[in-house]
């Protein structure tokens, strides 16, 4: 997808379906053609020998193996990623490989900071006044807010804006 359609940023998550088949969730900011994605995925599956039974049964190697959705606003994609990454029950089957990762570009240094007492107070205040909500998971706590920058101290807001606009 990087070579054929210019995809740069992506996050992926693997999980096992109830029938034991691995299932992937991929999110990207690139507009991708679903036909190309499905063709490439099926080509890889065929090369690995995973489509032999399908081809014997249906006479071709082109199952509807992908499900593509467009998320036009940021809230939907953050809700989707939060849900998939922080599921309480997932990957019941043991695996020795990665269960999630992201593109190299997303791994580079980003704006970040430790939660200070001032930030903690701003977060608590936003939660109490209904501007943010807490989503608890077995492995993490997510603070969801329409405008999370307001929960940064003034100096952190300045640093954030410098980071974003440089």
N, C-alpha and C. Protein backbone atom coordinates (compact mmCIF):
# COMPACT_ATOMS: atom_id res chain seq x y z
N UNK A 1 0.83 -1.19 0.00
CA UNK A 1 0.00 0.00 0.00
C UNK A 1 0.87 1.26 0.00
N UNK A 2 2.04 1.12 0.61
CA UNK A 2 2.97 2.26 0.61
C UNK A 2 3.44 2.57 -0.81
N UNK A 3 3.83 1.54 -1.54
CA UNK A 3 4.34 1.74 -2.90
C UNK A 3 3.24 2.05 -3.90
N UNK A 4 2.12 1.38 -3.80
CA UNK A 4 1.07 1.51 -4.82
C UNK A 4 0.11 2.67 -4.56
N UNK A 5 -0.11 3.00 -3.27
CA UNK A 5 -1.13 4.00 -2.98
C UNK A 5 -0.66 5.12 -2.04
N UNK A 6 0.62 5.16 -1.75
CA UNK A 6 1.16 6.27 -0.98
C UNK A 6 0.83 6.27 0.51
N UNK A 7 0.51 5.12 1.06
CA UNK A 7 0.21 5.04 2.49
C UNK A 7 1.50 5.24 3.29
N UNK A 8 1.47 6.16 4.24
CA UNK A 8 2.64 6.42 5.08
C UNK A 8 2.33 6.09 6.54
N UNK A 9 1.26 6.65 7.06
CA UNK A 9 0.90 6.47 8.47
C UNK A 9 -0.15 5.37 8.61
N UNK A 10 0.09 4.44 9.53
CA UNK A 10 -0.90 3.40 9.80
C UNK A 10 -0.65 2.80 11.18
N UNK A 11 -1.69 2.22 11.71
CA UNK A 11 -1.65 1.46 12.96
C UNK A 11 -2.38 0.15 12.66
N UNK A 12 -1.84 -0.97 13.13
CA UNK A 12 -2.53 -2.24 12.95
C UNK A 12 -2.64 -2.99 14.26
N UNK A 13 -3.66 -3.79 14.35
CA UNK A 13 -3.93 -4.59 15.55
C UNK A 13 -4.38 -5.97 15.10
N UNK A 14 -3.80 -7.02 15.64
CA UNK A 14 -4.20 -8.39 15.32
C UNK A 14 -4.98 -8.97 16.49
N UNK A 15 -5.98 -9.76 16.16
CA UNK A 15 -6.70 -10.48 17.20
C UNK A 15 -7.25 -11.77 16.60
N UNK A 16 -7.51 -12.71 17.46
CA UNK A 16 -8.04 -13.98 16.98
C UNK A 16 -9.55 -13.96 17.02
N UNK A 17 -10.16 -14.43 15.93
CA UNK A 17 -11.60 -14.59 15.92
C UNK A 17 -11.96 -15.83 16.72
N UNK A 18 -13.23 -15.99 17.03
CA UNK A 18 -13.67 -17.15 17.82
C UNK A 18 -13.30 -18.47 17.14
N UNK A 19 -13.29 -18.50 15.81
CA UNK A 19 -12.96 -19.74 15.11
C UNK A 19 -11.46 -19.99 15.02
N UNK A 20 -10.64 -19.11 15.65
CA UNK A 20 -9.20 -19.29 15.70
C UNK A 20 -8.42 -18.63 14.59
N UNK A 21 -9.12 -18.00 13.66
CA UNK A 21 -8.48 -17.31 12.53
C UNK A 21 -8.00 -15.93 12.99
N UNK A 22 -6.79 -15.55 12.59
CA UNK A 22 -6.30 -14.22 12.94
C UNK A 22 -7.05 -13.18 12.11
N UNK A 23 -7.31 -12.05 12.72
CA UNK A 23 -8.10 -10.98 12.12
C UNK A 23 -7.35 -9.68 12.38
N UNK A 24 -7.23 -8.82 11.38
CA UNK A 24 -6.46 -7.59 11.52
C UNK A 24 -7.36 -6.36 11.40
N UNK A 25 -7.06 -5.38 12.21
CA UNK A 25 -7.66 -4.05 12.09
C UNK A 25 -6.52 -3.12 11.68
N UNK A 26 -6.73 -2.33 10.64
CA UNK A 26 -5.72 -1.40 10.18
C UNK A 26 -6.38 -0.03 10.03
N UNK A 27 -5.73 1.00 10.56
CA UNK A 27 -6.22 2.37 10.39
C UNK A 27 -5.11 3.19 9.75
N UNK A 28 -5.49 4.00 8.77
CA UNK A 28 -4.54 4.84 8.07
C UNK A 28 -5.22 6.15 7.68
N UNK A 29 -4.43 7.17 7.45
CA UNK A 29 -5.00 8.44 6.99
C UNK A 29 -4.99 8.53 5.46
N UNK A 30 -4.57 7.47 4.79
CA UNK A 30 -4.53 7.46 3.32
C UNK A 30 -5.86 6.97 2.76
N UNK A 31 -6.22 7.51 1.62
CA UNK A 31 -7.39 7.01 0.88
C UNK A 31 -6.93 5.84 0.03
N UNK A 32 -7.44 4.66 0.31
CA UNK A 32 -7.00 3.45 -0.37
C UNK A 32 -8.16 2.85 -1.17
N UNK A 33 -7.84 2.28 -2.30
CA UNK A 33 -8.84 1.62 -3.13
C UNK A 33 -9.08 0.22 -2.58
N UNK A 34 -10.31 -0.06 -2.18
CA UNK A 34 -10.63 -1.35 -1.55
C UNK A 34 -10.32 -2.53 -2.47
N UNK A 35 -10.45 -2.33 -3.78
CA UNK A 35 -10.19 -3.43 -4.71
C UNK A 35 -8.71 -3.82 -4.70
N UNK A 36 -7.85 -2.82 -4.62
CA UNK A 36 -6.41 -3.08 -4.58
C UNK A 36 -6.03 -3.76 -3.27
N UNK A 37 -6.61 -3.30 -2.17
CA UNK A 37 -6.32 -3.91 -0.86
C UNK A 37 -6.74 -5.37 -0.87
N UNK A 38 -7.97 -5.63 -1.32
CA UNK A 38 -8.46 -7.01 -1.33
C UNK A 38 -7.62 -7.87 -2.27
N UNK A 39 -7.27 -7.37 -3.46
CA UNK A 39 -6.46 -8.14 -4.40
C UNK A 39 -5.11 -8.51 -3.76
N UNK A 40 -4.45 -7.52 -3.14
CA UNK A 40 -3.13 -7.78 -2.55
C UNK A 40 -3.23 -8.75 -1.38
N UNK A 41 -4.24 -8.55 -0.52
CA UNK A 41 -4.41 -9.44 0.63
C UNK A 41 -4.66 -10.87 0.15
N UNK A 42 -5.53 -11.03 -0.84
CA UNK A 42 -5.82 -12.37 -1.35
C UNK A 42 -4.60 -12.98 -2.03
N UNK A 43 -3.80 -12.15 -2.70
CA UNK A 43 -2.56 -12.66 -3.31
C UNK A 43 -1.62 -13.21 -2.23
N UNK A 44 -1.46 -12.48 -1.14
CA UNK A 44 -0.60 -12.94 -0.05
C UNK A 44 -1.15 -14.21 0.59
N UNK A 45 -2.47 -14.26 0.78
CA UNK A 45 -3.10 -15.45 1.36
C UNK A 45 -2.93 -16.66 0.45
N UNK A 46 -3.07 -16.44 -0.87
CA UNK A 46 -2.92 -17.53 -1.83
C UNK A 46 -1.48 -18.05 -1.82
N UNK A 47 -0.50 -17.15 -1.83
CA UNK A 47 0.92 -17.55 -1.81
C UNK A 47 1.25 -18.35 -0.55
N UNK A 48 0.58 -18.04 0.55
CA UNK A 48 0.82 -18.75 1.81
C UNK A 48 0.04 -20.07 1.87
N UNK A 49 -0.80 -20.33 0.86
CA UNK A 49 -1.55 -21.58 0.83
C UNK A 49 -2.86 -21.55 1.60
N UNK A 50 -3.30 -20.38 2.02
CA UNK A 50 -4.51 -20.28 2.85
C UNK A 50 -5.81 -20.27 2.04
N UNK A 51 -5.72 -20.14 0.72
CA UNK A 51 -6.95 -20.07 -0.08
C UNK A 51 -7.22 -21.34 -0.90
N UNK A 52 -6.44 -22.37 -0.68
CA UNK A 52 -6.61 -23.61 -1.46
C UNK A 52 -8.00 -24.20 -1.29
N UNK A 53 -8.46 -24.35 -0.06
CA UNK A 53 -9.79 -24.91 0.19
C UNK A 53 -10.88 -24.02 -0.38
N UNK A 54 -10.69 -22.72 -0.26
CA UNK A 54 -11.67 -21.79 -0.80
C UNK A 54 -11.77 -21.96 -2.32
N UNK A 55 -10.64 -22.03 -2.99
CA UNK A 55 -10.62 -22.16 -4.45
C UNK A 55 -11.25 -23.48 -4.90
N UNK A 56 -11.00 -24.56 -4.16
CA UNK A 56 -11.62 -25.84 -4.51
C UNK A 56 -13.14 -25.76 -4.40
N UNK A 57 -13.60 -25.05 -3.40
CA UNK A 57 -15.04 -24.95 -3.17
C UNK A 57 -15.73 -23.99 -4.13
N UNK A 58 -15.10 -22.84 -4.40
CA UNK A 58 -15.77 -21.78 -5.17
C UNK A 58 -15.19 -21.56 -6.58
N UNK A 59 -14.07 -22.18 -6.88
CA UNK A 59 -13.52 -22.08 -8.22
C UNK A 59 -12.74 -20.81 -8.51
N UNK A 60 -12.40 -20.05 -7.48
CA UNK A 60 -11.57 -18.84 -7.68
C UNK A 60 -10.85 -18.49 -6.37
N UNK A 61 -9.90 -17.58 -6.47
CA UNK A 61 -9.07 -17.17 -5.34
C UNK A 61 -9.39 -15.74 -4.91
N UNK A 62 -10.61 -15.31 -5.04
CA UNK A 62 -10.94 -13.92 -4.74
C UNK A 62 -12.09 -13.79 -3.73
N UNK A 63 -11.88 -14.29 -2.49
CA UNK A 63 -12.95 -14.15 -1.50
C UNK A 63 -13.10 -12.69 -1.04
N UNK A 64 -14.24 -12.37 -0.47
CA UNK A 64 -14.46 -11.05 0.11
C UNK A 64 -13.75 -11.04 1.47
N UNK A 65 -12.46 -10.87 1.44
CA UNK A 65 -11.61 -11.06 2.62
C UNK A 65 -11.28 -9.78 3.37
N UNK A 66 -11.72 -8.65 2.87
CA UNK A 66 -11.44 -7.38 3.54
C UNK A 66 -12.72 -6.60 3.73
N UNK A 67 -12.71 -5.74 4.72
CA UNK A 67 -13.87 -4.91 5.03
C UNK A 67 -13.34 -3.50 5.26
N UNK A 68 -13.61 -2.59 4.36
CA UNK A 68 -13.05 -1.24 4.39
C UNK A 68 -14.12 -0.25 4.80
N UNK A 69 -13.79 0.62 5.75
CA UNK A 69 -14.71 1.67 6.20
C UNK A 69 -13.98 3.00 6.19
N UNK A 70 -14.70 4.05 5.83
CA UNK A 70 -14.15 5.40 5.88
C UNK A 70 -14.63 6.06 7.16
N UNK A 71 -13.72 6.67 7.86
CA UNK A 71 -14.05 7.45 9.06
C UNK A 71 -13.68 8.88 8.74
N UNK A 72 -14.67 9.71 8.51
CA UNK A 72 -14.40 11.07 8.05
C UNK A 72 -14.06 12.03 9.17
N UNK A 73 -14.50 11.74 10.40
CA UNK A 73 -14.15 12.69 11.45
C UNK A 73 -13.28 12.01 12.51
N UNK A 74 -12.47 12.80 13.13
CA UNK A 74 -11.46 12.31 14.06
C UNK A 74 -12.07 11.57 15.24
N UNK A 75 -13.23 12.00 15.71
CA UNK A 75 -13.86 11.35 16.86
C UNK A 75 -14.13 9.88 16.57
N UNK A 76 -14.64 9.57 15.37
CA UNK A 76 -14.93 8.18 15.05
C UNK A 76 -13.67 7.32 15.00
N UNK A 77 -12.60 7.83 14.45
CA UNK A 77 -11.38 7.02 14.36
C UNK A 77 -10.74 6.84 15.73
N UNK A 78 -10.77 7.87 16.58
CA UNK A 78 -10.19 7.71 17.91
C UNK A 78 -11.03 6.75 18.75
N UNK A 79 -12.36 6.81 18.61
CA UNK A 79 -13.22 5.85 19.32
C UNK A 79 -12.92 4.43 18.86
N UNK A 80 -12.80 4.25 17.54
CA UNK A 80 -12.53 2.93 16.97
C UNK A 80 -11.18 2.39 17.46
N UNK A 81 -10.14 3.20 17.36
CA UNK A 81 -8.82 2.74 17.78
C UNK A 81 -8.78 2.46 19.28
N UNK A 82 -9.40 3.32 20.08
CA UNK A 82 -9.44 3.10 21.53
C UNK A 82 -10.10 1.77 21.84
N UNK A 83 -11.23 1.50 21.19
CA UNK A 83 -11.97 0.26 21.43
C UNK A 83 -11.12 -0.96 21.05
N UNK A 84 -10.50 -0.92 19.88
CA UNK A 84 -9.75 -2.08 19.40
C UNK A 84 -8.47 -2.31 20.19
N UNK A 85 -7.77 -1.24 20.56
CA UNK A 85 -6.50 -1.38 21.26
C UNK A 85 -6.66 -1.76 22.73
N UNK A 86 -7.78 -1.41 23.31
CA UNK A 86 -7.94 -1.58 24.76
C UNK A 86 -9.05 -2.56 25.13
N UNK A 87 -9.39 -3.47 24.25
CA UNK A 87 -10.41 -4.46 24.58
C UNK A 87 -9.99 -5.24 25.82
N UNK A 88 -10.96 -5.49 26.68
CA UNK A 88 -10.66 -6.27 27.88
C UNK A 88 -10.36 -7.72 27.54
N UNK A 89 -11.05 -8.28 26.56
CA UNK A 89 -10.85 -9.67 26.16
C UNK A 89 -10.44 -9.68 24.70
N UNK A 90 -9.27 -10.18 24.43
CA UNK A 90 -8.81 -10.29 23.05
C UNK A 90 -7.62 -11.23 23.01
N UNK A 91 -7.35 -11.72 21.85
CA UNK A 91 -6.19 -12.58 21.65
C UNK A 91 -6.11 -13.69 22.68
N UNK A 92 -7.24 -14.41 22.85
CA UNK A 92 -7.29 -15.51 23.79
C UNK A 92 -6.23 -16.57 23.47
N UNK A 93 -5.96 -16.72 22.19
CA UNK A 93 -4.95 -17.67 21.75
C UNK A 93 -3.57 -17.05 21.96
N UNK A 94 -2.66 -17.81 22.46
CA UNK A 94 -1.31 -17.30 22.72
C UNK A 94 -0.56 -17.12 21.41
N UNK A 95 0.17 -16.04 21.32
CA UNK A 95 1.00 -15.79 20.14
C UNK A 95 2.36 -15.30 20.60
N UNK A 96 3.38 -15.64 19.84
CA UNK A 96 4.71 -15.18 20.18
C UNK A 96 5.09 -13.93 19.40
N UNK A 97 4.21 -13.52 18.48
CA UNK A 97 4.49 -12.35 17.67
C UNK A 97 3.83 -11.11 18.22
N UNK A 98 3.99 -10.04 17.49
CA UNK A 98 3.37 -8.77 17.86
C UNK A 98 1.86 -8.87 17.71
N UNK A 99 1.13 -8.13 18.53
CA UNK A 99 -0.33 -8.05 18.36
C UNK A 99 -0.73 -6.67 17.86
N UNK A 100 0.20 -5.73 17.86
CA UNK A 100 -0.07 -4.42 17.26
C UNK A 100 1.24 -3.72 16.96
N UNK A 101 1.17 -2.76 16.07
CA UNK A 101 2.34 -1.95 15.74
C UNK A 101 1.87 -0.76 14.90
N UNK A 102 2.82 0.06 14.53
CA UNK A 102 2.48 1.21 13.69
C UNK A 102 3.65 1.50 12.75
N UNK A 103 3.39 2.39 11.81
CA UNK A 103 4.41 2.75 10.83
C UNK A 103 5.57 3.48 11.51
N UNK A 104 6.72 3.42 10.85
CA UNK A 104 7.93 4.06 11.38
C UNK A 104 7.69 5.55 11.63
N UNK A 105 6.99 6.20 10.71
CA UNK A 105 6.73 7.64 10.84
C UNK A 105 5.98 7.96 12.14
N UNK A 106 5.07 7.10 12.54
CA UNK A 106 4.32 7.35 13.77
C UNK A 106 5.15 7.07 15.02
N UNK A 107 6.26 6.37 14.87
CA UNK A 107 7.13 6.06 16.01
C UNK A 107 8.12 7.17 16.31
N UNK A 108 8.28 8.11 15.39
CA UNK A 108 9.28 9.16 15.63
C UNK A 108 8.85 10.01 16.81
N UNK A 109 9.79 10.77 17.34
CA UNK A 109 9.51 11.60 18.51
C UNK A 109 8.31 12.50 18.26
N UNK A 110 7.45 12.53 19.21
CA UNK A 110 6.24 13.35 19.16
C UNK A 110 6.21 14.23 20.40
N UNK A 111 5.30 15.17 20.36
CA UNK A 111 5.11 16.00 21.54
C UNK A 111 4.62 15.11 22.68
N UNK A 112 5.17 15.24 23.82
CA UNK A 112 4.72 14.47 24.97
C UNK A 112 5.23 15.09 26.25
N UNK A 113 4.60 14.74 27.33
CA UNK A 113 4.99 15.29 28.61
C UNK A 113 4.48 14.40 29.72
N UNK A 114 5.07 14.54 30.87
CA UNK A 114 4.59 13.83 32.05
C UNK A 114 3.38 14.57 32.59
N UNK A 115 2.48 13.85 33.24
CA UNK A 115 1.31 14.48 33.84
C UNK A 115 1.76 15.13 35.15
N UNK A 116 1.71 16.46 35.19
CA UNK A 116 2.09 17.21 36.37
C UNK A 116 0.88 17.38 37.28
N UNK A 117 1.09 17.90 38.47
CA UNK A 117 -0.02 18.17 39.39
C UNK A 117 -1.00 19.15 38.74
N UNK A 118 -0.46 20.17 38.05
CA UNK A 118 -1.33 21.16 37.38
C UNK A 118 -2.18 20.50 36.30
N UNK A 119 -1.55 19.65 35.49
CA UNK A 119 -2.30 18.93 34.45
C UNK A 119 -3.36 18.03 35.07
N UNK A 120 -2.99 17.32 36.12
CA UNK A 120 -3.92 16.43 36.79
C UNK A 120 -5.14 17.22 37.27
N UNK A 121 -4.91 18.39 37.82
CA UNK A 121 -6.02 19.25 38.27
C UNK A 121 -6.89 19.69 37.10
N UNK A 122 -6.27 20.06 35.98
CA UNK A 122 -7.02 20.47 34.79
C UNK A 122 -7.85 19.31 34.23
N UNK A 123 -7.27 18.11 34.24
CA UNK A 123 -8.00 16.92 33.78
C UNK A 123 -9.19 16.63 34.69
N UNK A 124 -8.95 16.64 36.01
CA UNK A 124 -10.05 16.41 36.97
C UNK A 124 -11.16 17.43 36.78
N UNK A 125 -10.77 18.68 36.58
CA UNK A 125 -11.76 19.75 36.39
C UNK A 125 -12.57 19.51 35.12
N UNK A 126 -11.91 19.12 34.04
CA UNK A 126 -12.60 18.85 32.77
C UNK A 126 -13.58 17.68 32.93
N UNK A 127 -13.18 16.65 33.66
CA UNK A 127 -14.06 15.50 33.89
C UNK A 127 -15.27 15.92 34.72
N UNK A 128 -15.04 16.66 35.80
CA UNK A 128 -16.13 17.10 36.67
C UNK A 128 -17.14 17.99 35.95
N UNK A 129 -16.69 18.78 34.99
CA UNK A 129 -17.59 19.70 34.28
C UNK A 129 -18.12 19.10 32.97
N UNK A 130 -17.83 17.82 32.71
CA UNK A 130 -18.39 17.14 31.54
C UNK A 130 -17.68 17.42 30.23
N UNK A 131 -16.47 17.99 30.28
CA UNK A 131 -15.72 18.26 29.06
C UNK A 131 -14.80 17.09 28.67
N UNK A 132 -14.71 16.11 29.55
CA UNK A 132 -13.88 14.93 29.30
C UNK A 132 -14.52 13.75 30.02
N UNK A 133 -14.20 12.55 29.53
CA UNK A 133 -14.71 11.36 30.20
C UNK A 133 -13.59 10.34 30.35
N UNK A 134 -13.73 9.50 31.34
CA UNK A 134 -12.73 8.48 31.62
C UNK A 134 -13.24 7.15 31.06
N UNK A 135 -12.37 6.47 30.31
CA UNK A 135 -12.69 5.14 29.80
C UNK A 135 -11.66 4.20 30.42
N UNK A 136 -12.14 3.28 31.26
CA UNK A 136 -11.24 2.35 31.95
C UNK A 136 -11.14 1.05 31.17
N UNK A 137 -9.96 0.49 31.15
CA UNK A 137 -9.70 -0.80 30.53
C UNK A 137 -8.80 -1.57 31.49
N UNK A 138 -8.66 -2.84 31.25
CA UNK A 138 -7.80 -3.66 32.10
C UNK A 138 -6.34 -3.21 32.01
N UNK A 139 -5.96 -2.62 30.86
CA UNK A 139 -4.55 -2.30 30.64
C UNK A 139 -4.25 -0.81 30.55
N UNK A 140 -5.28 0.02 30.50
CA UNK A 140 -5.01 1.45 30.38
C UNK A 140 -6.24 2.27 30.76
N UNK A 141 -6.00 3.54 31.02
CA UNK A 141 -7.07 4.50 31.26
C UNK A 141 -6.97 5.56 30.19
N UNK A 142 -8.09 5.83 29.55
CA UNK A 142 -8.12 6.82 28.47
C UNK A 142 -8.98 7.99 28.92
N UNK A 143 -8.45 9.19 28.74
CA UNK A 143 -9.22 10.40 28.99
C UNK A 143 -9.64 10.92 27.63
N UNK A 144 -10.94 10.85 27.33
CA UNK A 144 -11.46 11.32 26.05
C UNK A 144 -11.99 12.74 26.23
N UNK A 145 -11.55 13.63 25.35
CA UNK A 145 -11.98 15.03 25.42
C UNK A 145 -12.07 15.59 24.01
N UNK A 146 -13.04 16.47 23.80
CA UNK A 146 -13.17 17.12 22.49
C UNK A 146 -11.98 18.02 22.20
N UNK A 147 -11.44 18.65 23.23
CA UNK A 147 -10.31 19.56 23.07
C UNK A 147 -9.28 19.30 24.16
N UNK A 148 -8.48 18.23 24.02
CA UNK A 148 -7.55 17.86 25.09
C UNK A 148 -6.45 18.88 25.35
N UNK A 149 -6.19 19.77 24.41
CA UNK A 149 -5.14 20.77 24.61
C UNK A 149 -5.47 21.66 25.81
N UNK A 150 -6.75 21.85 26.08
CA UNK A 150 -7.14 22.69 27.22
C UNK A 150 -6.74 22.08 28.56
N UNK A 151 -6.38 20.81 28.56
CA UNK A 151 -5.96 20.17 29.80
C UNK A 151 -4.45 20.24 30.01
N UNK A 152 -3.77 20.97 29.14
CA UNK A 152 -2.33 21.20 29.29
C UNK A 152 -2.11 22.52 30.02
N UNK A 153 -1.01 22.61 30.73
CA UNK A 153 -0.65 23.88 31.35
C UNK A 153 -0.38 24.89 30.23
N UNK A 154 -0.34 26.16 30.58
CA UNK A 154 -0.10 27.19 29.56
C UNK A 154 1.23 27.00 28.86
N UNK A 155 2.27 26.67 29.62
CA UNK A 155 3.58 26.47 28.99
C UNK A 155 3.56 25.23 28.09
N UNK A 156 2.86 24.17 28.50
CA UNK A 156 2.75 22.98 27.67
C UNK A 156 1.92 23.26 26.42
N UNK A 157 0.90 24.11 26.53
CA UNK A 157 0.11 24.49 25.36
C UNK A 157 0.99 25.22 24.35
N UNK A 158 1.85 26.11 24.83
CA UNK A 158 2.78 26.81 23.94
C UNK A 158 3.72 25.83 23.25
N UNK A 159 4.29 24.91 24.02
CA UNK A 159 5.19 23.90 23.44
C UNK A 159 4.45 23.03 22.43
N UNK A 160 3.21 22.68 22.74
CA UNK A 160 2.41 21.88 21.83
C UNK A 160 2.19 22.61 20.51
N UNK A 161 1.80 23.87 20.58
CA UNK A 161 1.56 24.65 19.37
C UNK A 161 2.83 24.86 18.56
N UNK A 162 3.97 25.02 19.24
CA UNK A 162 5.24 25.11 18.52
C UNK A 162 5.52 23.81 17.78
N UNK A 163 5.26 22.69 18.46
CA UNK A 163 5.49 21.39 17.85
C UNK A 163 4.60 21.19 16.62
N UNK A 164 3.31 21.49 16.76
CA UNK A 164 2.35 21.29 15.68
C UNK A 164 2.64 22.16 14.47
N UNK A 165 3.03 23.40 14.69
CA UNK A 165 3.16 24.36 13.59
C UNK A 165 4.59 24.55 13.11
N UNK A 166 5.50 23.64 13.48
CA UNK A 166 6.87 23.73 12.96
C UNK A 166 7.20 22.54 12.11
